[in-house]
Protein backbone atom coordinates (compact mmCIF):
# COMPACT_ATOMS: atom_id res chain seq x y z
CA MET A 1 0.08 -0.33 -0.39
CA ALA A 2 3.02 2.44 1.14
CA THR A 3 4.40 1.66 -2.55
CA LYS A 4 1.18 2.59 -4.39
CA GLN A 5 0.82 5.86 -2.65
CA THR A 6 4.41 6.67 -3.36
CA LEU A 7 4.42 5.76 -6.98
CA ALA A 8 0.64 7.61 -7.44
CA PRO A 9 2.00 11.20 -7.80
CA LEU A 10 4.80 10.01 -10.09
CA GLU A 11 2.40 8.37 -12.09
CA ARG A 12 0.46 11.59 -12.30
CA LYS A 13 3.20 13.33 -13.63
CA VAL A 14 4.28 10.84 -15.93
CA PHE A 15 0.19 10.71 -17.24
CA ARG A 16 0.33 14.59 -17.93
CA SER A 17 3.32 14.15 -19.64
CA TYR A 18 1.94 11.58 -21.71
CA TRP A 19 -0.64 13.99 -23.38
CA GLN A 20 1.66 17.39 -23.63
CA ASP A 21 3.25 15.83 -26.89
CA GLY A 22 0.46 17.86 -28.97
CA MET A 23 0.39 15.00 -30.85
CA ILE A 24 -3.96 14.40 -30.13
CA ASP A 25 -4.01 18.14 -30.57
CA ILE A 26 -2.57 17.80 -34.18
CA LEU A 27 -4.72 14.78 -35.21
CA ALA A 28 -8.03 15.88 -33.52
CA GLY A 29 -7.27 19.36 -35.57
CA ILE A 30 -6.36 17.59 -38.65
CA SER A 31 -9.57 15.06 -38.19
CA SER A 32 -11.49 17.87 -38.08
CA ILE A 33 -10.50 19.80 -41.20
CA LEU A 34 -10.77 16.56 -43.15
CA ILE A 35 -14.35 15.79 -42.19
CA GLY A 36 -15.32 19.40 -42.73
CA LEU A 37 -13.91 19.22 -46.10
CA GLY A 38 -15.16 15.46 -47.05
CA TRP A 39 -18.87 16.93 -46.01
CA LEU A 40 -18.58 20.11 -48.32
CA VAL A 41 -17.33 18.04 -51.30
CA ASP A 42 -20.19 15.06 -50.65
CA LEU A 43 -17.63 12.63 -49.63
CA PHE A 44 -19.33 11.67 -46.35
CA PRO A 45 -19.03 7.84 -46.32
CA ILE A 46 -15.23 8.63 -46.54
CA THR A 47 -15.34 10.88 -43.69
CA LEU A 48 -16.32 8.18 -41.67
CA GLY A 49 -12.85 6.51 -41.31
CA VAL A 50 -10.82 9.55 -40.73
CA PRO A 51 -11.32 9.38 -37.24
CA VAL A 52 -9.78 5.50 -37.02
CA LEU A 53 -7.17 6.58 -39.59
CA ALA A 54 -6.21 9.15 -36.88
CA ILE A 55 -5.79 6.92 -33.95
CA THR A 56 -3.93 4.74 -35.66
CA ALA A 57 -1.76 7.32 -36.89
CA TRP A 58 -1.37 8.84 -33.28
CA ILE A 59 0.01 4.96 -32.14
CA GLY A 60 2.57 4.81 -35.20
CA ILE A 61 3.83 8.21 -34.60
CA ARG A 62 3.54 8.13 -30.26
CA ARG A 63 6.26 5.31 -30.94
CA LYS A 64 8.38 7.08 -33.52
CA VAL A 65 8.37 10.57 -31.63
CA THR A 66 7.49 10.33 -27.96
CA GLU A 67 8.63 6.95 -26.87
CA PRO A 68 11.87 7.21 -27.74
CA ARG A 69 12.28 10.76 -25.69
CA LEU A 70 9.82 9.45 -22.46
CA GLY A 71 9.96 5.63 -22.81
CA HIS A 72 7.31 3.00 -23.30
CA VAL A 73 4.71 3.68 -20.79
CA SER A 74 2.38 1.35 -18.93
CA PHE A 75 -0.19 2.97 -16.71
CA SER A 76 -2.25 1.04 -13.50
CA SER A 77 -5.08 -1.14 -14.83
CA LYS A 78 -7.37 1.28 -12.76
CA ARG A 79 -5.96 4.22 -14.96
CA ARG A 80 -6.31 2.65 -18.18
CA ARG A 81 -9.59 2.14 -17.13
CA ASP A 82 -10.37 5.33 -16.55
CA MET A 83 -9.10 6.56 -19.58
CA ILE A 84 -11.37 4.03 -21.60
CA HIS A 85 -14.21 5.46 -19.73
CA GLY A 86 -13.18 8.87 -20.60
CA TRP A 87 -13.22 8.54 -23.88
CA ILE A 88 -16.63 6.36 -23.95
CA ALA A 89 -18.04 9.62 -22.09
CA VAL A 90 -16.87 11.35 -25.22
CA LEU A 91 -18.42 9.57 -27.97
CA SER A 92 -21.64 9.50 -25.88
CA LEU A 93 -21.82 13.03 -25.39
CA GLY A 94 -20.85 13.84 -28.90
CA LEU A 95 -24.00 11.29 -30.11
CA VAL A 96 -26.40 12.39 -27.67
CA VAL A 97 -26.18 15.84 -28.31
CA GLY A 98 -25.63 15.80 -32.05
CA GLY A 99 -28.82 13.71 -31.94
CA ASN A 100 -30.88 15.99 -30.05
CA LEU A 101 -29.83 18.86 -32.05
CA VAL A 102 -30.18 17.59 -35.44
CA THR A 103 -33.40 16.24 -34.40
CA ARG A 104 -34.87 19.25 -33.26
CA ILE A 105 -33.52 21.56 -35.83
CA TRP A 106 -32.59 19.75 -38.87
CA ILE A 107 -34.57 17.04 -39.22
CA GLY A 108 -37.79 18.43 -37.03
CA GLY A 109 -37.92 21.11 -39.78
CA SER A 110 -38.17 24.03 -37.02
CA HIS A 111 -39.09 27.42 -38.60
CA SER A 112 -38.40 29.50 -35.76
CA SER A 113 -35.84 32.20 -36.64
CA ALA A 114 -33.50 31.54 -33.69
CA SER A 115 -33.70 27.70 -34.84
CA GLN A 116 -32.48 28.69 -38.15
CA TRP A 117 -30.05 31.24 -37.33
CA PHE A 118 -28.34 28.67 -35.18
CA ALA A 119 -28.58 25.68 -37.59
CA PRO A 120 -25.21 26.14 -39.23
CA ALA A 121 -23.45 26.32 -36.00
CA ILE A 122 -24.41 22.43 -35.39
CA PRO A 123 -21.06 20.90 -36.31
CA ALA A 124 -19.11 22.37 -34.51
CA MET A 125 -20.93 22.95 -31.34
CA ILE A 126 -21.33 18.76 -31.49
CA VAL A 127 -17.13 19.23 -31.40
CA ALA A 128 -17.54 21.73 -28.59
CA ALA A 129 -19.60 19.73 -26.22
CA MET A 130 -17.29 16.68 -27.40
CA SER A 131 -13.96 18.77 -26.65
CA LEU A 132 -15.73 19.74 -22.92
CA SER A 133 -16.37 16.16 -22.06
CA CYS A 134 -12.70 15.39 -23.35
CA ALA A 135 -11.39 17.77 -20.88
CA ALA A 136 -13.34 16.53 -17.94
CA ALA A 137 -12.64 12.97 -18.56
CA LEU A 138 -9.64 13.00 -19.08
CA GLY A 139 -8.09 15.70 -17.25
CA LEU A 140 -7.07 17.69 -20.38
CA TRP A 141 -7.94 20.85 -19.29
CA ARG A 142 -6.78 22.45 -22.62
CA PHE A 143 -9.50 20.81 -24.35
CA VAL A 144 -11.75 23.59 -22.65
CA PHE A 145 -10.26 26.04 -24.72
CA TYR A 146 -10.71 24.03 -27.66
CA GLY A 147 -14.24 23.32 -26.94
CA VAL A 148 -14.40 27.72 -26.63
CA ILE A 149 -12.91 27.55 -30.14
CA PHE A 150 -15.09 25.42 -31.99
CA ALA A 151 -18.42 27.00 -30.28
CA ALA A 152 -16.98 30.48 -31.62
CA SER A 153 -16.37 28.81 -34.80
CA GLY A 154 -19.76 27.56 -34.99
CA LEU A 155 -21.54 30.66 -33.99
CA ALA A 156 -19.22 32.95 -36.37
CA ILE A 157 -20.47 30.48 -39.26
CA ALA A 158 -24.21 30.69 -38.06
CA GLU A 159 -23.80 34.82 -38.28
CA VAL A 160 -22.48 35.00 -41.72
CA ARG A 161 -24.98 31.87 -43.13
CA ALA A 162 -21.86 29.96 -44.37
CA GLU A 163 -22.09 26.52 -45.00
CA PRO A 164 -21.86 24.64 -41.73
CA TRP A 165 -18.93 22.19 -41.97
CA TRP A 166 -16.63 25.66 -42.14
CA GLY A 167 -17.48 25.32 -38.53
CA LEU A 168 -15.39 22.14 -38.38
CA VAL A 169 -12.59 23.46 -40.72
CA VAL A 170 -11.95 27.04 -39.06
CA GLY A 171 -11.91 25.37 -35.35
CA GLY A 172 -9.67 22.22 -36.81
CA VAL A 173 -7.04 24.68 -38.05
CA MET A 174 -6.87 26.31 -34.50
CA VAL A 175 -6.64 23.03 -32.67
CA ALA A 176 -3.93 21.88 -34.65
CA CYS A 177 -1.74 24.96 -35.00
CA CYS A 178 -2.48 24.90 -31.10
CA GLY A 179 -1.19 21.37 -31.17
CA GLY A 180 1.71 22.18 -33.38
CA ILE A 181 3.08 24.88 -30.65
CA LEU A 182 3.26 21.97 -27.99
CA LEU A 183 4.94 20.05 -30.10
CA LEU A 184 7.60 22.03 -30.74
CA ARG A 185 7.58 22.64 -27.27
CA PHE A 186 8.13 19.24 -26.38
CA LEU A 187 10.84 18.23 -29.16
CA ARG A 188 12.68 20.79 -27.10
CA THR A 189 11.93 19.83 -23.72
CA PHE A 190 12.40 16.11 -24.14
CA PRO A 191 15.29 15.59 -27.06
CA VAL A 192 16.30 11.83 -28.21
CA PRO A 193 18.93 10.52 -25.53
CA MET A 194 22.06 10.43 -27.36
CA GLN A 195 23.11 6.95 -27.87
CA HIS A 196 26.54 5.91 -26.52
CA PRO A 197 28.98 3.62 -28.94
CA ASP A 198 30.07 0.43 -27.01
CA VAL A 199 33.61 0.90 -25.56
CA GLY A 200 36.19 -1.84 -26.14
CA GLY A 201 35.66 -5.02 -27.75
């Protein structure tokens, strides 16, 4: 018990570093951009595979970029379970919020002026809700800021009456840029350890 209590602060510190390489931010932003552009050019079926490709890319990039600097990390079973529950919460919230908004405004055919004005903001608002859920579930509090970015993008798109999916593109670009800044800082803070050649032999 004493050992677990001693290691708990270290695990929390490693867990924070685990998410500070900016990779998830970059890929989340790029995914949002691709989904938005896919909808704009009527390639919706292709966009369904974007999140799967993003997750696959995230795993591969972490092995090439992050693990050589931080090492391979294996969290406790409780931490892994909390992470899984967190992702489930994020996806569930996106489905609930998205389904409710789409049903009420698009499928329901609401003709009120407020609903008609708000309709173009729906895609970005769904992502904003998922960002806030991600912040709470995984402790990634910068995703609160990303939620605000997507909400603001959605409202701006609604105000100018542009195509709804531009909210995803604009928000995605900003989030990807924030991720890029995090990645550069991560690479400066954690350089790849130098390989010392064997002596003798």
